[in-house]
Amino acid sequence: MVLPPSPRSVGVARWLIAEWCAPWVAAAEVEEDTVESALLLASEVITNAVVHGDGMVRVCLSRVDGSSLRLEVSDDGGGMPLIGAQRADAESGRGMAMVELLSTRWGTELGVGPLGKTVWFELGA
């Protein structure tokens, strides 16, 4: 899906991801907990693309290895996400730490051309 760089896009993406996963959950092909974790981490990564990225936000969800999920979020911005030390009283900046903690694996890929990136994560069963 391609979404505008708007905070409202985060909720739209969460709804669509839940809808896409519903048949897999109903068929017991993907665990409901995996989908819940995907929704949480999608919120973080898509919010980063909206706030720190540039241009439209592209979201791609796929299944890998049967019951695992892979979510890719792309934008035209050049900055790469970092996991940094946060002050205990910081109001933001913990999203990628959550991705690191909850995902099976994650990473970033530079886009074609001078700008652009994809941040992705996978969640195993």
Protein backbone atom coordinates (compact mmCIF):
# COMPACT_ATOMS: atom_id res chain seq x y z
CA MET A 1 0.00 0.00 0.00
CA VAL A 2 1.10 3.59 -0.55
CA LEU A 3 0.06 6.16 2.04
CA PRO A 4 0.48 9.91 2.39
CA PRO A 5 3.02 11.19 4.95
CA SER A 6 0.32 11.92 7.50
CA PRO A 7 -0.10 10.75 11.11
CA ARG A 8 -3.51 9.35 10.07
CA SER A 9 -1.70 6.90 7.78
CA VAL A 10 -0.44 4.95 10.80
CA GLY A 11 -3.97 3.98 11.83
CA VAL A 12 -4.97 3.19 8.24
CA ALA A 13 -1.94 0.93 7.85
CA ARG A 14 -2.66 -0.86 11.14
CA TRP A 15 -6.24 -1.52 10.05
CA LEU A 16 -5.17 -2.83 6.65
CA ILE A 17 -2.47 -5.06 8.14
CA ALA A 18 -5.00 -6.54 10.57
CA GLU A 19 -7.42 -7.15 7.68
CA TRP A 20 -4.74 -8.80 5.55
CA CYS A 21 -3.72 -11.07 8.42
CA ALA A 22 -7.25 -12.05 9.51
CA PRO A 23 -7.60 -14.97 7.04
CA TRP A 24 -4.18 -16.33 8.06
CA VAL A 25 -5.14 -16.17 11.73
CA ALA A 26 -8.54 -17.77 11.06
CA ALA A 27 -6.81 -20.61 9.21
CA ALA A 28 -4.28 -21.00 12.06
CA GLU A 29 -1.45 -20.21 9.63
CA VAL A 30 -0.23 -17.20 11.65
CA GLU A 31 -0.52 -16.76 15.42
CA GLU A 32 -2.68 -13.90 16.68
CA ASP A 33 0.19 -12.82 18.97
CA THR A 34 2.44 -12.49 15.93
CA VAL A 35 -0.10 -10.18 14.30
CA GLU A 36 -0.42 -8.09 17.48
CA SER A 37 3.35 -7.68 17.62
CA ALA A 38 3.38 -6.78 13.92
CA LEU A 39 0.77 -4.08 14.52
CA LEU A 40 2.76 -2.59 17.39
CA LEU A 41 6.03 -2.55 15.46
CA ALA A 42 4.32 -1.33 12.29
CA SER A 43 3.07 1.67 14.25
CA GLU A 44 6.62 2.51 15.28
CA VAL A 45 8.23 2.05 11.88
CA ILE A 46 5.46 3.81 9.93
CA THR A 47 5.45 6.69 12.41
CA ASN A 48 9.20 7.05 11.85
CA ALA A 49 8.64 7.19 8.09
CA VAL A 50 5.93 9.84 8.50
CA VAL A 51 7.86 11.98 10.99
CA HIS A 52 11.46 11.57 9.84
CA GLY A 53 11.11 10.41 6.23
CA ASP A 54 10.18 12.20 3.06
CA GLY A 55 7.45 11.63 0.50
CA MET A 56 4.86 8.90 0.34
CA VAL A 57 5.12 5.91 2.67
CA ARG A 58 5.08 2.47 1.08
CA VAL A 59 4.13 -0.54 3.21
CA CYS A 60 4.49 -4.16 2.12
CA LEU A 61 3.43 -7.17 4.20
CA SER A 62 4.36 -10.72 3.30
CA ARG A 63 4.63 -14.16 4.83
CA VAL A 64 7.98 -15.85 5.00
CA ASP A 65 8.76 -19.39 6.08
CA GLY A 66 5.10 -20.31 6.50
CA SER A 67 3.94 -18.63 9.69
CA SER A 68 6.38 -15.70 9.91
CA LEU A 69 5.55 -12.16 8.82
CA ARG A 70 7.78 -9.58 7.13
CA LEU A 71 6.82 -5.92 7.02
CA GLU A 72 8.69 -3.41 4.87
CA VAL A 73 8.21 0.36 5.17
CA SER A 74 9.81 2.62 2.58
CA ASP A 75 10.05 6.37 2.12
CA ASP A 76 12.19 8.78 0.10
CA GLY A 77 14.07 10.19 3.09
CA GLY A 78 17.77 9.66 3.56
CA GLY A 79 18.07 9.24 7.33
CA MET A 80 18.50 5.74 8.71
CA PRO A 81 16.93 4.65 12.02
CA LEU A 82 19.19 4.24 15.01
CA ILE A 83 18.89 2.48 18.32
CA GLY A 84 20.37 4.87 20.81
CA ALA A 85 20.63 5.26 24.52
CA GLN A 86 17.61 7.12 25.84
CA ARG A 87 17.21 9.17 28.94
CA ALA A 88 14.69 7.67 31.34
CA ASP A 89 12.49 10.78 31.02
CA ALA A 90 12.59 10.95 27.19
CA GLU A 91 9.13 11.13 25.62
CA SER A 92 10.12 9.46 22.35
CA GLY A 93 12.91 7.57 20.67
CA ARG A 94 12.25 4.02 21.86
CA GLY A 95 10.53 2.66 18.75
CA MET A 96 13.53 1.02 17.10
CA ALA A 97 14.58 -0.45 20.45
CA MET A 98 11.17 -2.16 20.53
CA VAL A 99 11.71 -3.41 16.98
CA GLU A 100 15.10 -4.80 18.04
CA LEU A 101 13.59 -6.47 21.12
CA LEU A 102 10.41 -7.96 19.64
CA SER A 103 11.32 -8.87 16.08
CA THR A 104 13.06 -12.04 14.98
CA ARG A 105 15.30 -9.85 12.83
CA TRP A 106 15.22 -6.42 11.24
CA GLY A 107 17.28 -4.21 9.00
CA THR A 108 17.45 -1.33 6.58
CA GLU A 109 18.14 -1.08 2.87
CA LEU A 110 19.10 1.97 0.87
CA GLY A 111 16.83 2.85 -2.01
CA VAL A 112 17.85 3.30 -5.62
CA GLY A 113 19.19 6.77 -6.30
CA PRO A 114 20.51 9.36 -3.88
CA LEU A 115 17.72 9.08 -1.30
CA GLY A 116 15.28 6.60 0.01
CA LYS A 117 15.30 3.66 2.34
CA THR A 118 13.35 0.64 3.48
CA VAL A 119 13.11 -0.43 7.10
CA TRP A 120 11.93 -4.00 7.53
CA PHE A 121 11.33 -6.50 10.29
CA GLU A 122 10.33 -10.12 10.56
CA LEU A 123 8.35 -11.85 13.28
CA GLY A 124 8.51 -15.59 13.72
CA ALA A 125 5.80 -17.77 15.12
